[in-house]
Amino acid sequence: MRFNPDKSNRCQTCMMLLKLCICSEMPKIDNKTYVTIIMHFREIKTTSNTGRLANLALKNSEIRLRGSPQNMLNTEGILKPDRQNMVLQLCDEAYELNTDFIQKFPGPYNLIVPDGNWRQASKMHKREAILKCLPKVRLPLSTPSNYRLRKEHKLGGLATHEAIGRALGIIDGPHVQTEMERIFTLMVERTIALRPNMNNTCQSDFKKI
């Protein structure tokens, strides 16, 4: 999925500065678990958004936009009748995504991932009727986020790409997570190399999932 913000000095696929473009290093992961990223429309022009990076890395994934006053979320085909549909979301009723969950709810899966800032992502499963009755899953607490481009204020907070990678590591296998983390680390390191004294004051785009 291509985005076209008015950024003439940026690659229009990965949205990195042209001299930092990572498209040639992008994996094409044939993930067994389908990933549906529901992105807040304001993230389209946010070059630091990482849901877009996950979509580029994963063959079996898509992005749907929500939140625009002009265009409602297109829900057609979001739920996959031949898959276990579930939402990656922190909430009281969320199951921890682990081997016990996989045994209780066998795949194949369609992992639906809210993408936006903390406020947007945390309320998405309540605001979109199609998500309300689906099983919710959350990641086990693990190593801290490696997203050094934004300051994290929430315990367990991760960028969207990291969260998807860790979820697929549990479901599809560690090789998927490894490849996801490789391209994510490359993106972060190239950006930091250009801005060694950057000010980490922003919040991460996917919080505490």
Protein backbone atom coordinates (compact mmCIF):
# COMPACT_ATOMS: atom_id res chain seq x y z
CA MET A 1 0.00 0.00 0.00
CA ARG A 2 1.51 3.31 -1.12
CA PHE A 3 1.03 6.66 0.58
CA ASN A 4 1.71 10.01 -1.00
CA PRO A 5 2.35 12.80 1.48
CA ASP A 6 3.92 15.89 -0.07
CA LYS A 7 7.45 14.79 0.79
CA SER A 8 9.51 15.08 -2.38
CA ASN A 9 12.71 14.11 -0.56
CA ARG A 10 11.24 10.85 0.75
CA CYS A 11 10.74 7.43 -0.76
CA GLN A 12 7.03 7.13 -1.45
CA THR A 13 7.03 3.46 -0.42
CA CYS A 14 8.92 3.24 2.87
CA MET A 15 8.64 7.02 3.61
CA MET A 16 12.30 7.19 4.62
CA LEU A 17 14.47 10.00 3.31
CA LEU A 18 15.66 8.96 -0.15
CA LYS A 19 19.26 8.57 1.00
CA LEU A 20 18.08 6.29 3.82
CA CYS A 21 15.58 4.23 1.80
CA ILE A 22 15.27 0.66 3.11
CA CYS A 23 13.16 -0.81 0.29
CA SER A 24 16.04 -2.90 -1.08
CA GLU A 25 16.37 -4.51 2.37
CA MET A 26 12.67 -5.10 2.87
CA PRO A 27 11.78 -8.74 3.60
CA LYS A 28 8.82 -10.37 1.89
CA ILE A 29 7.57 -12.57 4.68
CA ASP A 30 5.05 -15.21 3.65
CA ASN A 31 3.19 -15.03 6.97
CA LYS A 32 0.61 -17.71 7.73
CA THR A 33 -1.37 -15.41 10.02
CA TYR A 34 -3.14 -12.72 8.04
CA VAL A 35 -2.63 -9.23 9.48
CA THR A 36 -5.25 -6.50 9.12
CA ILE A 37 -3.97 -3.11 10.26
CA ILE A 38 -6.70 -0.60 11.05
CA MET A 39 -4.90 2.71 10.85
CA HIS A 40 -6.21 6.08 11.99
CA PHE A 41 -6.36 8.31 8.93
CA ARG A 42 -4.09 10.93 10.49
CA GLU A 43 -1.26 8.39 10.42
CA ILE A 44 -1.16 8.45 6.60
CA LYS A 45 1.16 11.44 6.56
CA THR A 46 3.10 10.50 9.68
CA THR A 47 6.52 9.42 8.46
CA SER A 48 7.30 7.79 11.82
CA ASN A 49 4.30 5.44 11.57
CA THR A 50 5.45 1.80 11.77
CA GLY A 51 2.24 0.02 10.79
CA ARG A 52 3.06 0.92 7.20
CA LEU A 53 6.47 -0.76 7.59
CA ALA A 54 4.81 -3.96 8.80
CA ASN A 55 2.47 -3.94 5.81
CA LEU A 56 5.45 -3.65 3.45
CA ALA A 57 7.26 -6.56 5.13
CA LEU A 58 4.31 -8.97 5.26
CA LYS A 59 2.88 -10.53 2.11
CA ASN A 60 -0.41 -11.43 3.78
CA SER A 61 -1.47 -8.11 5.24
CA GLU A 62 -3.47 -5.00 4.47
CA ILE A 63 -4.20 -1.54 5.83
CA ARG A 64 -7.69 -0.15 6.38
CA LEU A 65 -8.20 3.51 7.28
CA ARG A 66 -10.63 4.76 9.92
CA GLY A 67 -11.49 7.96 11.77
CA SER A 68 -11.97 10.29 8.82
CA PRO A 69 -15.11 12.48 9.03
CA GLN A 70 -15.58 12.01 5.28
CA ASN A 71 -14.97 8.27 4.96
CA MET A 72 -16.05 5.57 7.39
CA LEU A 73 -14.04 2.41 7.90
CA ASN A 74 -14.65 0.01 5.03
CA THR A 75 -15.54 -3.17 6.90
CA GLU A 76 -16.14 -5.36 3.87
CA GLY A 77 -13.88 -8.39 4.06
CA ILE A 78 -12.20 -7.43 7.34
CA LEU A 79 -13.49 -10.58 9.03
CA LYS A 80 -12.19 -13.75 7.41
CA PRO A 81 -14.76 -16.58 7.69
CA ASP A 82 -12.08 -19.26 7.27
CA ARG A 83 -9.90 -17.85 10.06
CA GLN A 84 -10.02 -17.15 13.78
CA ASN A 85 -10.46 -13.37 13.88
CA MET A 86 -8.93 -11.61 16.89
CA VAL A 87 -7.89 -8.10 17.91
CA LEU A 88 -4.48 -7.23 19.36
CA GLN A 89 -5.65 -4.96 22.16
CA LEU A 90 -5.02 -4.29 25.81
CA CYS A 91 -8.28 -4.51 27.72
CA ASP A 92 -9.69 -6.33 30.74
CA GLU A 93 -11.05 -9.25 28.73
CA ALA A 94 -7.92 -9.78 26.61
CA TYR A 95 -6.30 -13.22 26.60
CA GLU A 96 -2.54 -13.39 26.83
CA LEU A 97 -1.25 -14.51 23.45
CA ASN A 98 0.68 -17.69 24.27
CA THR A 99 0.70 -21.41 23.60
CA ASP A 100 -2.34 -21.96 25.84
CA PHE A 101 -4.34 -19.48 23.79
CA ILE A 102 -3.27 -21.12 20.53
CA GLN A 103 -4.40 -24.50 21.83
CA LYS A 104 -7.75 -23.10 22.97
CA PHE A 105 -8.36 -21.11 19.78
CA PRO A 106 -6.58 -22.99 16.98
CA GLY A 107 -5.74 -21.13 13.78
CA PRO A 108 -5.39 -20.11 11.09
CA TYR A 109 -5.75 -16.53 12.32
CA ASN A 110 -6.63 -13.07 11.15
CA LEU A 111 -4.85 -10.69 13.53
CA ILE A 112 -6.52 -7.28 13.55
CA VAL A 113 -4.22 -4.54 14.81
CA PRO A 114 -5.31 -0.99 15.76
CA ASP A 115 -2.74 1.58 14.63
CA GLY A 116 -2.58 5.15 15.88
CA ASN A 117 -1.51 7.06 18.94
CA TRP A 118 -2.32 5.62 22.37
CA ARG A 119 -5.72 7.33 22.62
CA GLN A 120 -6.78 6.33 19.12
CA ALA A 121 -5.60 2.73 19.34
CA SER A 122 -6.85 2.01 22.86
CA LYS A 123 -10.44 3.00 22.05
CA MET A 124 -10.70 1.51 18.58
CA HIS A 125 -12.17 -1.83 19.66
CA LYS A 126 -15.00 0.02 21.42
CA ARG A 127 -15.74 2.48 18.64
CA GLU A 128 -15.85 0.04 15.75
CA ALA A 129 -18.84 -2.29 16.03
CA ILE A 130 -17.20 -4.99 13.94
CA LEU A 131 -14.47 -5.40 16.57
CA LYS A 132 -16.57 -5.41 19.74
CA CYS A 133 -17.44 -9.11 19.86
CA LEU A 134 -14.11 -10.49 18.67
CA PRO A 135 -11.64 -12.18 21.02
CA LYS A 136 -8.99 -9.73 22.26
CA VAL A 137 -5.37 -10.74 22.76
CA ARG A 138 -2.44 -8.99 24.39
CA LEU A 139 1.26 -9.68 24.29
CA PRO A 140 3.13 -11.09 27.28
CA LEU A 141 5.42 -8.54 28.91
CA SER A 142 8.85 -8.89 27.37
CA THR A 143 11.89 -6.82 26.50
CA PRO A 144 11.35 -3.05 26.18
CA SER A 145 10.69 -1.37 22.87
CA ASN A 146 13.63 -0.68 20.58
CA TYR A 147 11.82 2.27 19.01
CA ARG A 148 14.30 4.93 20.05
CA LEU A 149 12.77 7.55 17.74
CA ARG A 150 9.94 8.26 20.18
CA LYS A 151 9.90 8.34 23.96
CA GLU A 152 7.79 5.62 25.60
CA HIS A 153 5.64 6.53 28.60
CA LYS A 154 3.68 3.29 29.02
CA LEU A 155 4.94 0.06 30.58
CA GLY A 156 5.22 -2.53 27.84
CA GLY A 157 4.65 0.07 25.13
CA LEU A 158 5.67 -0.99 21.63
CA ALA A 159 5.59 0.43 18.15
CA THR A 160 2.96 -1.18 15.93
CA HIS A 161 5.58 -2.98 13.84
CA GLU A 162 7.23 -4.41 16.97
CA ALA A 163 3.89 -5.58 18.37
CA ILE A 164 2.97 -7.35 15.15
CA GLY A 165 6.42 -8.96 14.95
CA ARG A 166 6.20 -10.30 18.49
CA ALA A 167 2.66 -11.58 17.97
CA LEU A 168 3.67 -13.41 14.79
CA GLY A 169 6.72 -14.75 16.58
CA ILE A 170 4.35 -16.54 18.96
CA ILE A 171 1.89 -17.70 16.31
CA ASP A 172 3.92 -18.26 13.14
CA GLY A 173 7.36 -18.88 14.60
CA PRO A 174 10.47 -16.99 15.73
CA HIS A 175 11.85 -16.67 12.17
CA VAL A 176 9.06 -14.21 11.35
CA GLN A 177 9.80 -12.08 14.39
CA THR A 178 13.51 -12.11 13.55
CA GLU A 179 12.93 -10.76 10.06
CA MET A 180 10.44 -8.16 11.31
CA GLU A 181 12.92 -6.98 13.93
CA ARG A 182 15.77 -6.86 11.41
CA ILE A 183 14.07 -4.35 9.13
CA PHE A 184 12.72 -2.38 12.08
CA THR A 185 16.19 -2.06 13.62
CA LEU A 186 17.61 -0.99 10.26
CA MET A 187 14.98 1.75 9.97
CA VAL A 188 15.70 3.01 13.48
CA GLU A 189 19.49 2.91 13.11
CA ARG A 190 19.53 4.73 9.78
CA THR A 191 17.29 7.46 11.16
CA ILE A 192 19.37 7.84 14.31
CA ALA A 193 22.60 7.97 12.30
CA LEU A 194 21.26 11.03 10.51
CA ARG A 195 19.97 12.65 13.71
CA PRO A 196 22.40 11.66 16.48
CA ASN A 197 21.21 14.44 18.78
CA MET A 198 17.49 14.06 18.14
CA ASN A 199 15.04 14.98 20.87
CA ASN A 200 12.99 11.94 21.96
CA THR A 201 9.88 13.72 23.15
CA CYS A 202 7.06 12.09 21.23
CA GLN A 203 4.86 9.20 22.28
CA SER A 204 5.01 5.86 20.52
CA ASP A 205 2.34 4.99 17.96
CA PHE A 206 1.18 1.74 19.59
CA LYS A 207 1.04 1.63 23.35
CA LYS A 208 0.98 -1.13 25.97
CA ILE A 209 -0.51 -4.02 24.01
